[in-house]
Structures are given as C-alpha cells and as structure tokens.
Amino acid sequence: MKTIPKIGVAVLLIALAYSCKQGEAPAEETATTEAAAVASADESSEAKFVTNASKTKVPERKLIRTADIKFKVKDVAQSTYAIESTVNRYGGLITNNNLQSHVLETKQTKVSSDSLRKTSRYLVENNLTLRIPNRSLDTVVKAIAKEIQYLDYRVIKADDVALQMLANQLTQQRNANHNNRLANSIDHKGRKLSQITDAEGNLLGKNEDSDQAAIQNLSLQDQVNFSTITLAMYQNESVRSEMVAIASTGGDYGNFGLEIWDGLKNGWFILERLIAFVVQLWSVVLIAGIGIFFFRRYLNKKKPAIF
C-alpha cells in the first residue's frame, strides 16, 4: 500500500516535465516561423523593387562637365585679376588660386665698394580651380580664351551620372522599407535577446548604407549644378635687376693692401664699362671714318695743280 503513493508521485512528476517540454516547443517554433516570415517578406520586397527598377524609364540626363586648360599669357597677375572678375560676374567661385614666382637663377655683381647689382631670372605661374554654374561654363571658357597667347591644351568632358543617381535612390527606398519591417518585428515579435541584437545590428548597417547613398547623390548633384574648370597659366621668363647696398665700406678694411686691391677692382670695372660703351659706338665710328675718308678725297680733288 505504501508503494502506490510513491508510484503516483513519480507519474505526476513525469507528466509535469512532459507538459513543460511541450510548452517550450511551440515558442521556439513560433520564433523560427517569425524569422522565416521576415526573410520571406524581404525576398518578396527585393523582387518587387527589382521588377520596379526594370520598368523604370531612363531618367533625364544629368551631366558633370569639367574643363582642363593650360596656356601662356602676357602677364599672369593681370590675367588672374581678369579671370577673377569673370568668375564673380557669372556667379561662380574660386576654390584654389595659387599664384607663385619661381626663381630660376640669381647673379650678383659688385659695382662699387658699397653696392652690387643683383640680377634674377624667374618664372611666374598660377594654378586655379573654378566652380561655375553649369549653364555658364561655355561662356566663361570663351571669356578666358581672350587672355590666351599660346594654348598648350584644352580638354572638356561631360559624364552622365543619371543612372548612378537613380541606383542610389532605389537603394535608399529598399533600405527604408526593409528598416520599417525590421523595426516592427523588433518591437512586436522579438523573443530572445540574441535575435533582437542581431536585428538591431542589421538595421544599423542598412541605415548607414542609406546615408551613404544619400550623400553620394548630394555630391553628384552639386557637381552637376557647378562645373569645374582647372587652369594652369604661365608667362615668358622674366629678368629683374636691382642695386643692393652693402653694409661694409672702405674704412672697414683691416689694412692698406686690401683697400688697394678693392681700388684696383673698381678701376677694372670702370674700364670694362668704358670698353663696352666704345664697342656699342662702333657704327658711329665707322660712319665718321667713312665721312672723313670721302671728305679728304673731295678736298684733294679741289686743290689746284701746281706746275
């Protein structure tokens, strides 16, 4: 008789354990079914967007126009001022303006004890980057052509980005619909912490993709609205000569011999300049010599003969 209650208790425990197991199984099956439903909905939506994209008409052209020009001008600084005025007149802006003088050679020649002549060879150039409203690109390029003395090259390009912008828009739409479904599933159907964490990570990645597509479209639209012109200007090589004072004077020398040596050098420089001046007058000397020669012959002919 005592064994009957023990058997009854054992049977009751087994029945309780079985009922708990049966209760957990539907919950897991429900979570699996929900995940499969979300995945199926995603596939269905993606197929729908592919079908819609295939039916989308070819969008209106959106051209990114650029110009790359290199040329020689008479005066780089003056041409730069003229181009700046043109850009402002047509509503553009200058994003880079790099005007520089490159010294090629410098020579110093002493002309006296307290001065020297400094002669420099240099090249002036400027690299500019202009952003011009697309409708005014051709007009600005023609205005710049007035400054050109010699054209090295001129390259104008037009790239159509309409399909790329459309692809970015479709990506944003796909991600927006997917994010709405995913957020709804997280709020109402989420069962386990691990599932919710994975879904949140997926949602964050989709949002980043949408933001990137939006930023790319904004950048492309800006390039469509404002064309880019890259200019490289230069001018002929220039020479600049100037007198430079020297701080040291004759009284600064330590001994008489150095003063004599400096005097000899100054005398030689004076002689060089004198010889150079005479050489430059060779044509005058030649004409004077020819004139004297013919004048003397004329006088000889005029003299009376002596018998």
C-alpha atoms as a PDB file:
ATOM      1  CA  MET A   1       0.000   0.000   0.000  1.00  0.00           C
ATOM      2  CA  LYS A   2       2.880   2.416   0.648  1.00  0.00           C
ATOM      3  CA  THR A   3       4.332   1.869  -2.799  1.00  0.00           C
ATOM      4  CA  ILE A   4       1.173   3.176  -4.528  1.00  0.00           C
ATOM      5  CA  PRO A   5       1.619   6.805  -3.371  1.00  0.00           C
ATOM      6  CA  LYS A   6       5.253   6.732  -4.457  1.00  0.00           C
ATOM      7  CA  ILE A   7       4.287   5.493  -7.920  1.00  0.00           C
ATOM      8  CA  GLY A   8       1.620   8.181  -8.142  1.00  0.00           C
ATOM      9  CA  VAL A   9       4.112  10.920  -7.268  1.00  0.00           C
ATOM     10  CA  ALA A  10       6.568   9.649  -9.903  1.00  0.00           C
ATOM     11  CA  VAL A  11       3.878   9.582 -12.583  1.00  0.00           C
ATOM     12  CA  LEU A  12       2.845  13.127 -11.640  1.00  0.00           C
ATOM     13  CA  LEU A  13       6.442  14.440 -11.975  1.00  0.00           C
ATOM     14  CA  ILE A  14       6.886  12.779 -15.392  1.00  0.00           C
ATOM     15  CA  ALA A  15       3.604  14.288 -16.637  1.00  0.00           C
ATOM     16  CA  LEU A  16       4.681  17.732 -15.400  1.00  0.00           C
ATOM     17  CA  ALA A  17       8.054  17.569 -17.168  1.00  0.00           C
ATOM     18  CA  TYR A  18       6.417  16.471 -20.410  1.00  0.00           C
ATOM     19  CA  SER A  19       3.932  19.314 -20.345  1.00  0.00           C
ATOM     20  CA  CYS A  20       6.785  21.898 -19.826  1.00  0.00           C
ATOM     21  CA  LYS A  21       8.666  20.483 -22.788  1.00  0.00           C
ATOM     22  CA  GLN A  22       5.577  20.706 -24.948  1.00  0.00           C
ATOM     23  CA  GLY A  23       5.161  24.364 -23.901  1.00  0.00           C
ATOM     24  CA  GLU A  24       8.723  25.330 -24.929  1.00  0.00           C
ATOM     25  CA  ALA A  25       8.488  23.688 -28.331  1.00  0.00           C
ATOM     26  CA  PRO A  26       5.710  25.950 -29.689  1.00  0.00           C
ATOM     27  CA  ALA A  27       7.632  29.070 -28.562  1.00  0.00           C
ATOM     28  CA  GLU A  28      10.749  28.021 -30.476  1.00  0.00           C
ATOM     29  CA  GLU A  29       8.649  27.058 -33.484  1.00  0.00           C
ATOM     30  CA  THR A  30       6.908  30.453 -33.296  1.00  0.00           C
ATOM     31  CA  ALA A  31      10.242  32.351 -33.247  1.00  0.00           C
ATOM     32  CA  THR A  32      11.533  30.279 -36.175  1.00  0.00           C
ATOM     33  CA  THR A  33       8.317  30.883 -38.098  1.00  0.00           C
ATOM     34  CA  GLU A  34       8.535  34.635 -37.489  1.00  0.00           C
ATOM     35  CA  ALA A  35      12.147  34.793 -38.681  1.00  0.00           C
ATOM     36  CA  ALA A  36      11.247  32.844 -41.805  1.00  0.00           C
ATOM     37  CA  ALA A  37       8.311  35.183 -42.423  1.00  0.00           C
ATOM     38  CA  VAL A  38      10.553  38.258 -42.180  1.00  0.00           C
ATOM     39  CA  ALA A  39      13.127  36.708 -44.529  1.00  0.00           C
ATOM     40  CA  SER A  40      10.381  35.756 -46.988  1.00  0.00           C
ATOM     41  CA  ALA A  41       8.988  39.280 -46.850  1.00  0.00           C
ATOM     42  CA  ASP A  42      12.450  40.699 -47.522  1.00  0.00           C
ATOM     43  CA  GLU A  43      12.919  38.449 -50.546  1.00  0.00           C
ATOM     44  CA  SER A  44       9.465  39.360 -51.834  1.00  0.00           C
ATOM     45  CA  SER A  45      10.168  43.074 -51.396  1.00  0.00           C
ATOM     46  CA  GLU A  46      13.562  42.854 -53.081  1.00  0.00           C
ATOM     47  CA  ALA A  47      11.981  41.061 -56.033  1.00  0.00           C
ATOM     48  CA  LYS A  48       9.340  43.791 -56.189  1.00  0.00           C
ATOM     49  CA  PHE A  49      11.991  46.540 -56.276  1.00  0.00           C
ATOM     50  CA  VAL A  50      13.940  44.690 -58.991  1.00  0.00           C
ATOM     51  CA  THR A  51      10.734  44.492 -61.051  1.00  0.00           C
ATOM     52  CA  ASN A  52      10.029  48.199 -60.478  1.00  0.00           C
ATOM     53  CA  ALA A  53      13.608  49.137 -61.401  1.00  0.00           C
ATOM     54  CA  SER A  54      13.366  47.150 -64.643  1.00  0.00           C
ATOM     55  CA  LYS A  55      10.187  49.053 -65.518  1.00  0.00           C
ATOM     56  CA  THR A  56      11.671  52.479 -64.656  1.00  0.00           C
ATOM     57  CA  LYS A  57      12.187  54.754 -67.635  1.00  0.00           C
ATOM     58  CA  VAL A  58      15.631  56.090 -68.460  1.00  0.00           C
ATOM     59  CA  PRO A  59      15.958  59.313 -66.410  1.00  0.00           C
ATOM     60  CA  GLU A  60      16.781  62.728 -67.806  1.00  0.00           C
ATOM     61  CA  ARG A  61      20.486  63.278 -68.435  1.00  0.00           C
ATOM     62  CA  LYS A  62      22.497  64.730 -65.578  1.00  0.00           C
ATOM     63  CA  LEU A  63      25.906  65.829 -66.896  1.00  0.00           C
ATOM     64  CA  ILE A  64      29.004  66.524 -64.841  1.00  0.00           C
ATOM     65  CA  ARG A  65      31.049  68.871 -67.057  1.00  0.00           C
ATOM     66  CA  THR A  66      34.716  69.640 -66.475  1.00  0.00           C
ATOM     67  CA  ALA A  67      37.357  71.664 -68.338  1.00  0.00           C
ATOM     68  CA  ASP A  68      41.151  71.413 -68.038  1.00  0.00           C
ATOM     69  CA  ILE A  69      43.159  74.194 -69.769  1.00  0.00           C
ATOM     70  CA  LYS A  70      46.858  75.119 -69.859  1.00  0.00           C
ATOM     71  CA  PHE A  71      48.035  78.262 -71.665  1.00  0.00           C
ATOM     72  CA  LYS A  72      50.537  81.130 -71.796  1.00  0.00           C
ATOM     73  CA  VAL A  73      49.545  84.744 -71.110  1.00  0.00           C
ATOM     74  CA  LYS A  74      51.286  88.085 -71.375  1.00  0.00           C
ATOM     75  CA  ASP A  75      51.053  88.844 -67.637  1.00  0.00           C
ATOM     76  CA  VAL A  76      49.913  86.172 -65.182  1.00  0.00           C
ATOM     77  CA  ALA A  77      48.891  88.628 -62.459  1.00  0.00           C
ATOM     78  CA  GLN A  78      46.757  90.777 -64.791  1.00  0.00           C
ATOM     79  CA  SER A  79      45.121  87.707 -66.358  1.00  0.00           C
ATOM     80  CA  THR A  80      44.363  86.348 -62.882  1.00  0.00           C
ATOM     81  CA  TYR A  81      42.547  89.559 -61.963  1.00  0.00           C
ATOM     82  CA  ALA A  82      40.536  89.414 -65.197  1.00  0.00           C
ATOM     83  CA  ILE A  83      39.527  85.769 -64.612  1.00  0.00           C
ATOM     84  CA  GLU A  84      38.516  86.505 -61.012  1.00  0.00           C
ATOM     85  CA  SER A  85      36.219  89.264 -62.237  1.00  0.00           C
ATOM     86  CA  THR A  86      34.677  86.948 -64.848  1.00  0.00           C
ATOM     87  CA  VAL A  87      34.012  84.212 -62.275  1.00  0.00           C
ATOM     88  CA  ASN A  88      32.302  86.661 -59.919  1.00  0.00           C
ATOM     89  CA  ARG A  89      30.215  88.106 -62.747  1.00  0.00           C
ATOM     90  CA  TYR A  90      28.741  84.699 -63.633  1.00  0.00           C
ATOM     91  CA  GLY A  91      28.042  83.566 -60.066  1.00  0.00           C
ATOM     92  CA  GLY A  92      30.932  81.144 -59.675  1.00  0.00           C
ATOM     93  CA  LEU A  93      33.600  80.710 -57.035  1.00  0.00           C
ATOM     94  CA  ILE A  94      37.349  80.031 -56.914  1.00  0.00           C
ATOM     95  CA  THR A  95      38.356  77.072 -54.749  1.00  0.00           C
ATOM     96  CA  ASN A  96      42.094  77.258 -55.487  1.00  0.00           C
ATOM     97  CA  ASN A  97      44.229  80.263 -56.518  1.00  0.00           C
ATOM     98  CA  ASN A  98      47.976  79.585 -56.307  1.00  0.00           C
ATOM     99  CA  LEU A  99      49.997  82.476 -57.825  1.00  0.00           C
ATOM    100  CA  GLN A 100      53.770  81.946 -57.494  1.00  0.00           C
ATOM    101  CA  SER A 101      57.106  83.212 -58.816  1.00  0.00           C
ATOM    102  CA  HIS A 102      59.837  80.602 -59.244  1.00  0.00           C
ATOM    103  CA  VAL A 103      63.394  81.991 -59.233  1.00  0.00           C
ATOM    104  CA  LEU A 104      65.477  80.121 -61.821  1.00  0.00           C
ATOM    105  CA  GLU A 105      68.836  81.865 -61.343  1.00  0.00           C
ATOM    106  CA  THR A 106      70.313  84.715 -59.298  1.00  0.00           C
ATOM    107  CA  LYS A 107      73.576  86.525 -60.105  1.00  0.00           C
ATOM    108  CA  GLN A 108      75.272  89.215 -58.019  1.00  0.00           C
ATOM    109  CA  THR A 109      77.876  91.602 -59.466  1.00  0.00           C
ATOM    110  CA  LYS A 110      79.782  94.070 -57.306  1.00  0.00           C
ATOM    111  CA  VAL A 111      79.850  97.543 -58.863  1.00  0.00           C
ATOM    112  CA  SER A 112      81.434  99.538 -56.040  1.00  0.00           C
ATOM    113  CA  SER A 113      82.702  99.185 -52.506  1.00  0.00           C
ATOM    114  CA  ASP A 114      79.256  99.773 -51.059  1.00  0.00           C
ATOM    115  CA  SER A 115      76.834  98.346 -53.665  1.00  0.00           C
ATOM    116  CA  LEU A 116      76.235  95.425 -56.010  1.00  0.00           C
ATOM    117  CA  ARG A 117      73.850  94.585 -58.808  1.00  0.00           C
ATOM    118  CA  LYS A 118      71.508  91.622 -58.238  1.00  0.00           C
ATOM    119  CA  THR A 119      70.054  90.027 -61.385  1.00  0.00           C
ATOM    120  CA  SER A 120      67.370  87.329 -61.134  1.00  0.00           C
ATOM    121  CA  ARG A 121      65.697  85.136 -63.754  1.00  0.00           C
ATOM    122  CA  TYR A 122      62.236  83.982 -62.686  1.00  0.00           C
ATOM    123  CA  LEU A 123      59.036  82.403 -63.984  1.00  0.00           C
ATOM    124  CA  VAL A 124      55.526  83.406 -62.863  1.00  0.00           C
ATOM    125  CA  GLU A 125      52.672  80.883 -62.968  1.00  0.00           C
ATOM    126  CA  ASN A 126      49.258  80.337 -61.436  1.00  0.00           C
ATOM    127  CA  ASN A 127      47.064  77.259 -60.930  1.00  0.00           C
ATOM    128  CA  LEU A 128      43.353  77.936 -60.408  1.00  0.00           C
ATOM    129  CA  THR A 129      40.307  75.758 -59.762  1.00  0.00           C
ATOM    130  CA  LEU A 130      36.959  77.356 -60.628  1.00  0.00           C
ATOM    131  CA  ARG A 131      33.384  76.231 -59.864  1.00  0.00           C
ATOM    132  CA  ILE A 132      30.990  77.693 -62.429  1.00  0.00           C
ATOM    133  CA  PRO A 133      27.195  77.244 -62.804  1.00  0.00           C
ATOM    134  CA  ASN A 134      26.708  74.588 -65.464  1.00  0.00           C
ATOM    135  CA  ARG A 135      24.743  76.883 -67.779  1.00  0.00           C
ATOM    136  CA  SER A 136      27.639  79.411 -67.822  1.00  0.00           C
ATOM    137  CA  LEU A 137      30.557  77.025 -68.477  1.00  0.00           C
ATOM    138  CA  ASP A 138      30.857  77.717 -72.216  1.00  0.00           C
ATOM    139  CA  THR A 139      30.582  81.488 -71.702  1.00  0.00           C
ATOM    140  CA  VAL A 140      33.322  81.537 -69.049  1.00  0.00           C
ATOM    141  CA  VAL A 141      35.634  79.369 -71.174  1.00  0.00           C
ATOM    142  CA  LYS A 142      35.239  81.816 -74.082  1.00  0.00           C
ATOM    143  CA  ALA A 143      35.966  84.755 -71.760  1.00  0.00           C
ATOM    144  CA  ILE A 144      39.153  83.040 -70.533  1.00  0.00           C
ATOM    145  CA  ALA A 145      40.242  82.482 -74.160  1.00  0.00           C
ATOM    146  CA  LYS A 146      40.706  86.257 -74.544  1.00  0.00           C
ATOM    147  CA  GLU A 147      43.707  86.061 -72.179  1.00  0.00           C
ATOM    148  CA  ILE A 148      45.450  83.262 -74.088  1.00  0.00           C
ATOM    149  CA  GLN A 149      48.610  83.977 -76.090  1.00  0.00           C
ATOM    150  CA  TYR A 150      49.564  80.343 -76.669  1.00  0.00           C
ATOM    151  CA  LEU A 151      47.335  77.329 -75.922  1.00  0.00           C
ATOM    152  CA  ASP A 152      49.062  74.166 -74.673  1.00  0.00           C
ATOM    153  CA  TYR A 153      45.856  72.126 -74.394  1.00  0.00           C
ATOM    154  CA  ARG A 154      42.135  72.368 -73.627  1.00  0.00           C
ATOM    155  CA  VAL A 155      40.159  69.280 -72.528  1.00  0.00           C
ATOM    156  CA  ILE A 156      36.382  69.477 -71.864  1.00  0.00           C
ATOM    157  CA  LYS A 157      34.485  66.411 -70.591  1.00  0.00           C
ATOM    158  CA  ALA A 158      30.828  65.609 -69.853  1.00  0.00           C
ATOM    159  CA  ASP A 159      29.908  62.499 -67.794  1.00  0.00           C
ATOM    160  CA  ASP A 160      26.261  61.408 -67.456  1.00  0.00           C
ATOM    161  CA  VAL A 161      25.520  60.271 -63.847  1.00  0.00           C
ATOM    162  CA  ALA A 162      21.718  59.973 -64.119  1.00  0.00           C
ATOM    163  CA  LEU A 163      21.724  56.155 -63.813  1.00  0.00           C
ATOM    164  CA  GLN A 164      24.111  56.250 -60.872  1.00  0.00           C
ATOM    165  CA  MET A 165      21.844  58.695 -59.036  1.00  0.00           C
ATOM    166  CA  LEU A 166      18.810  56.522 -59.827  1.00  0.00           C
ATOM    167  CA  ALA A 167      20.598  53.472 -58.404  1.00  0.00           C
ATOM    168  CA  ASN A 168      21.299  55.387 -55.189  1.00  0.00           C
ATOM    169  CA  GLN A 169      17.637  56.378 -54.907  1.00  0.00           C
ATOM    170  CA  LEU A 170      16.476  52.768 -55.345  1.00  0.00           C
ATOM    171  CA  THR A 171      18.976  51.682 -52.682  1.00  0.00           C
ATOM    172  CA  GLN A 172      17.514  54.243 -50.275  1.00  0.00           C
ATOM    173  CA  GLN A 173      13.946  53.043 -50.981  1.00  0.00           C
ATOM    174  CA  ARG A 174      14.859  49.378 -50.493  1.00  0.00           C
ATOM    175  CA  ASN A 175      16.642  50.089 -47.243  1.00  0.00           C
ATOM    176  CA  ALA A 176      13.805  52.290 -45.950  1.00  0.00           C
ATOM    177  CA  ASN A 177      11.184  49.564 -46.483  1.00  0.00           C
ATOM    178  CA  HIS A 178      13.428  46.889 -45.045  1.00  0.00           C
ATOM    179  CA  ASN A 179      14.160  49.029 -41.992  1.00  0.00           C
ATOM    180  CA  ASN A 180      10.459  49.635 -41.344  1.00  0.00           C
ATOM    181  CA  ARG A 181       9.671  45.911 -41.402  1.00  0.00           C
ATOM    182  CA  LEU A 182      12.704  45.083 -39.298  1.00  0.00           C
ATOM    183  CA  ALA A 183      11.898  47.727 -36.682  1.00  0.00           C
ATOM    184  CA  ASN A 184       8.299  46.481 -36.485  1.00  0.00           C
ATOM    185  CA  SER A 185       9.499  42.910 -35.987  1.00  0.00           C
ATOM    186  CA  ILE A 186      11.879  44.006 -33.223  1.00  0.00           C
ATOM    187  CA  ASP A 187       9.135  45.908 -31.390  1.00  0.00           C
ATOM    188  CA  HIS A 188       6.336  43.305 -31.626  1.00  0.00           C
ATOM    189  CA  LYS A 189       7.795  39.909 -32.457  1.00  0.00           C
ATOM    190  CA  GLY A 190      11.211  39.856 -30.812  1.00  0.00           C
ATOM    191  CA  ARG A 191      11.531  36.840 -28.487  1.00  0.00           C
ATOM    192  CA  LYS A 192      15.173  36.492 -27.494  1.00  0.00           C
ATOM    193  CA  LEU A 193      17.905  38.979 -26.702  1.00  0.00           C
ATOM    194  CA  SER A 194      20.286  37.449 -29.244  1.00  0.00           C
ATOM    195  CA  GLN A 195      17.711  37.752 -32.030  1.00  0.00           C
ATOM    196  CA  ILE A 196      16.976  41.381 -31.125  1.00  0.00           C
ATOM    197  CA  THR A 197      20.707  42.220 -31.019  1.00  0.00           C
ATOM    198  CA  ASP A 198      21.318  40.726 -34.490  1.00  0.00           C
ATOM    199  CA  ALA A 199      18.299  42.542 -35.887  1.00  0.00           C
ATOM    200  CA  GLU A 200      19.424  45.863 -34.413  1.00  0.00           C
ATOM    201  CA  GLY A 201      22.874  45.412 -35.977  1.00  0.00           C
ATOM    202  CA  ASN A 202      21.295  44.671 -39.349  1.00  0.00           C
ATOM    203  CA  LEU A 203      19.089  47.747 -39.013  1.00  0.00           C
ATOM    204  CA  LEU A 204      22.111  49.951 -38.238  1.00  0.00           C
ATOM    205  CA  GLY A 205      24.001  48.656 -41.280  1.00  0.00           C
ATOM    206  CA  LYS A 206      21.061  49.365 -43.572  1.00  0.00           C
ATOM    207  CA  ASN A 207      20.770  52.898 -42.190  1.00  0.00           C
ATOM    208  CA  GLU A 208      24.463  53.523 -42.912  1.00  0.00           C
ATOM    209  CA  ASP A 209      24.022  52.279 -46.481  1.00  0.00           C
ATOM    210  CA  SER A 210      21.062  54.641 -46.956  1.00  0.00           C
ATOM    211  CA  ASP A 211      23.022  57.595 -45.571  1.00  0.00           C
ATOM    212  CA  GLN A 212      25.963  56.835 -47.853  1.00  0.00           C
ATOM    213  CA  ALA A 213      23.694  56.657 -50.907  1.00  0.00           C
ATOM    214  CA  ALA A 214      22.093  59.988 -49.938  1.00  0.00           C
ATOM    215  CA  ILE A 215      25.497  61.680 -49.514  1.00  0.00           C
ATOM    216  CA  GLN A 216      26.696  60.357 -52.878  1.00  0.00           C
ATOM    217  CA  ASN A 217      23.610  61.768 -54.575  1.00  0.00           C
ATOM    218  CA  LEU A 218      24.129  65.173 -52.944  1.00  0.00           C
ATOM    219  CA  SER A 219      27.754  65.215 -54.121  1.00  0.00           C
ATOM    220  CA  LEU A 220      26.790  64.215 -57.662  1.00  0.00           C
ATOM    221  CA  GLN A 221      24.030  66.832 -57.791  1.00  0.00           C
ATOM    222  CA  ASP A 222      26.491  69.520 -56.665  1.00  0.00           C
ATOM    223  CA  GLN A 223      28.884  68.521 -59.467  1.00  0.00           C
ATOM    224  CA  VAL A 224      26.000  68.638 -61.946  1.00  0.00           C
ATOM    225  CA  ASN A 225      24.961  72.122 -60.817  1.00  0.00           C
ATOM    226  CA  PHE A 226      28.509  73.573 -60.738  1.00  0.00           C
ATOM    227  CA  SER A 227      31.063  72.621 -63.372  1.00  0.00           C
ATOM    228  CA  THR A 228      34.773  72.522 -62.516  1.00  0.00           C
ATOM    229  CA  ILE A 229      37.441  74.368 -64.526  1.00  0.00           C
ATOM    230  CA  THR A 230      41.143  73.740 -63.848  1.00  0.00           C
ATOM    231  CA  LEU A 231      43.538  76.366 -65.215  1.00  0.00           C
ATOM    232  CA  ALA A 232      47.349  76.359 -65.474  1.00  0.00           C
ATOM    233  CA  MET A 233      48.730  79.770 -66.560  1.00  0.00           C
ATOM    234  CA  TYR A 234      52.300  80.873 -67.167  1.00  0.00           C
ATOM    235  CA  GLN A 235      54.194  83.684 -68.875  1.00  0.00           C
ATOM    236  CA  ASN A 236      57.568  84.181 -70.557  1.00  0.00           C
ATOM    237  CA  GLU A 237      60.665  84.058 -68.387  1.00  0.00           C
ATOM    238  CA  SER A 238      61.358  87.453 -66.809  1.00  0.00           C
ATOM    239  CA  VAL A 239      64.566  89.182 -65.658  1.00  0.00           C
ATOM    240  CA  ARG A 240      64.783  91.575 -62.737  1.00  0.00           C
ATOM    241  CA  SER A 241      67.853  93.682 -61.953  1.00  0.00           C
ATOM    242  CA  GLU A 242      68.305  95.876 -58.889  1.00  0.00           C
ATOM    243  CA  MET A 243      71.040  97.655 -56.981  1.00  0.00           C
ATOM    244  CA  VAL A 244      71.658  96.362 -53.466  1.00  0.00           C
ATOM    245  CA  ALA A 245      73.574  98.318 -50.831  1.00  0.00           C
ATOM    246  CA  ILE A 246      76.442  96.659 -48.989  1.00  0.00           C
ATOM    247  CA  ALA A 247      76.936  97.433 -45.318  1.00  0.00           C
ATOM    248  CA  SER A 248      80.759  97.338 -45.473  1.00  0.00           C
ATOM    249  CA  THR A 249      82.705 100.463 -46.570  1.00  0.00           C
ATOM    250  CA  GLY A 250      86.320 101.312 -47.310  1.00  0.00           C
ATOM    251  CA  GLY A 251      87.024 102.200 -43.684  1.00  0.00           C
ATOM    252  CA  ASP A 252      86.060  98.678 -42.630  1.00  0.00           C
ATOM    253  CA  TYR A 253      89.149  97.069 -44.187  1.00  0.00           C
ATOM    254  CA  GLY A 254      91.813  95.872 -41.833  1.00  0.00           C
ATOM    255  CA  ASN A 255      94.872  97.029 -43.799  1.00  0.00           C
ATOM    256  CA  PHE A 256      96.025  99.262 -46.605  1.00  0.00           C
ATOM    257  CA  GLY A 257      96.681  96.369 -49.012  1.00  0.00           C
ATOM    258  CA  LEU A 258      93.032  95.325 -49.055  1.00  0.00           C
ATOM    259  CA  GLU A 259      91.993  98.903 -49.825  1.00  0.00           C
ATOM    260  CA  ILE A 260      94.405  98.989 -52.790  1.00  0.00           C
ATOM    261  CA  TRP A 261      93.038  95.663 -54.034  1.00  0.00           C
ATOM    262  CA  ASP A 262      89.463  96.971 -53.840  1.00  0.00           C
ATOM    263  CA  GLY A 263      90.514 100.116 -55.726  1.00  0.00           C
ATOM    264  CA  LEU A 264      92.086  98.021 -58.499  1.00  0.00           C
ATOM    265  CA  LYS A 265      88.903  96.006 -58.869  1.00  0.00           C
ATOM    266  CA  ASN A 266      86.774  99.132 -59.038  1.00  0.00           C
ATOM    267  CA  GLY A 267      89.105 100.581 -61.679  1.00  0.00           C
ATOM    268  CA  TRP A 268      88.837  97.396 -63.710  1.00  0.00           C
ATOM    269  CA  PHE A 269      85.026  97.518 -63.557  1.00  0.00           C
ATOM    270  CA  ILE A 270      85.145 101.131 -64.817  1.00  0.00           C
ATOM    271  CA  LEU A 271      87.471 100.114 -67.680  1.00  0.00           C
ATOM    272  CA  GLU A 272      85.135  97.263 -68.625  1.00  0.00           C
ATOM    273  CA  ARG A 273      82.166  99.596 -68.805  1.00  0.00           C
ATOM    274  CA  LEU A 274      84.170 102.100 -70.877  1.00  0.00           C
ATOM    275  CA  ILE A 275      85.253  99.444 -73.371  1.00  0.00           C
ATOM    276  CA  ALA A 276      81.674  98.158 -73.581  1.00  0.00           C
ATOM    277  CA  PHE A 277      80.441 101.703 -74.251  1.00  0.00           C
ATOM    278  CA  VAL A 278      83.017 102.247 -77.040  1.00  0.00           C
ATOM    279  CA  VAL A 279      82.152  98.912 -78.631  1.00  0.00           C
ATOM    280  CA  GLN A 280      78.492  99.876 -78.705  1.00  0.00           C
ATOM    281  CA  LEU A 281      79.512 103.018 -80.706  1.00  0.00           C
ATOM    282  CA  TRP A 282      81.273 101.075 -83.487  1.00  0.00           C
ATOM    283  CA  SER A 283      78.647 102.081 -86.023  1.00  0.00           C
ATOM    284  CA  VAL A 284      79.144 105.783 -85.218  1.00  0.00           C
ATOM    285  CA  VAL A 285      82.945 105.414 -85.519  1.00  0.00           C
ATOM    286  CA  LEU A 286      82.565 103.592 -88.849  1.00  0.00           C
ATOM    287  CA  ILE A 287      80.266 106.258 -90.281  1.00  0.00           C
ATOM    288  CA  ALA A 288      82.613 109.013 -89.069  1.00  0.00           C
ATOM    289  CA  GLY A 289      85.619 107.257 -90.634  1.00  0.00           C
ATOM    290  CA  ILE A 290      83.843 106.873 -93.982  1.00  0.00           C
ATOM    291  CA  GLY A 291      82.800 110.524 -93.880  1.00  0.00           C
ATOM    292  CA  ILE A 292      86.351 111.702 -93.183  1.00  0.00           C
ATOM    293  CA  PHE A 293      87.709 109.494 -95.971  1.00  0.00           C
ATOM    294  CA  PHE A 294      85.394 110.902 -98.621  1.00  0.00           C
ATOM    295  CA  PHE A 295      85.800 114.440 -97.339  1.00  0.00           C
ATOM    296  CA  ARG A 296      89.592 114.242 -97.667  1.00  0.00           C
ATOM    297  CA  ARG A 297      89.302 112.881-101.208  1.00  0.00           C
ATOM    298  CA  TYR A 298      86.964 115.690-102.078  1.00  0.00           C
ATOM    299  CA  LEU A 299      89.445 118.258-100.745  1.00  0.00           C
ATOM    300  CA  ASN A 300      92.258 116.662-102.724  1.00  0.00           C
ATOM    301  CA  LYS A 301      90.293 116.995-105.931  1.00  0.00           C
ATOM    302  CA  LYS A 302      89.556 120.665-105.254  1.00  0.00           C
ATOM    303  CA  LYS A 303      93.199 121.661-104.762  1.00  0.00           C
ATOM    304  CA  PRO A 304      94.663 123.426-107.884  1.00  0.00           C
ATOM    305  CA  ALA A 305      97.503 121.719-109.694  1.00  0.00           C
ATOM    306  CA  ILE A 306     100.985 123.284-109.189  1.00  0.00           C
ATOM    307  CA  PHE A 307     103.218 123.480-112.304  1.00  0.00           C
END
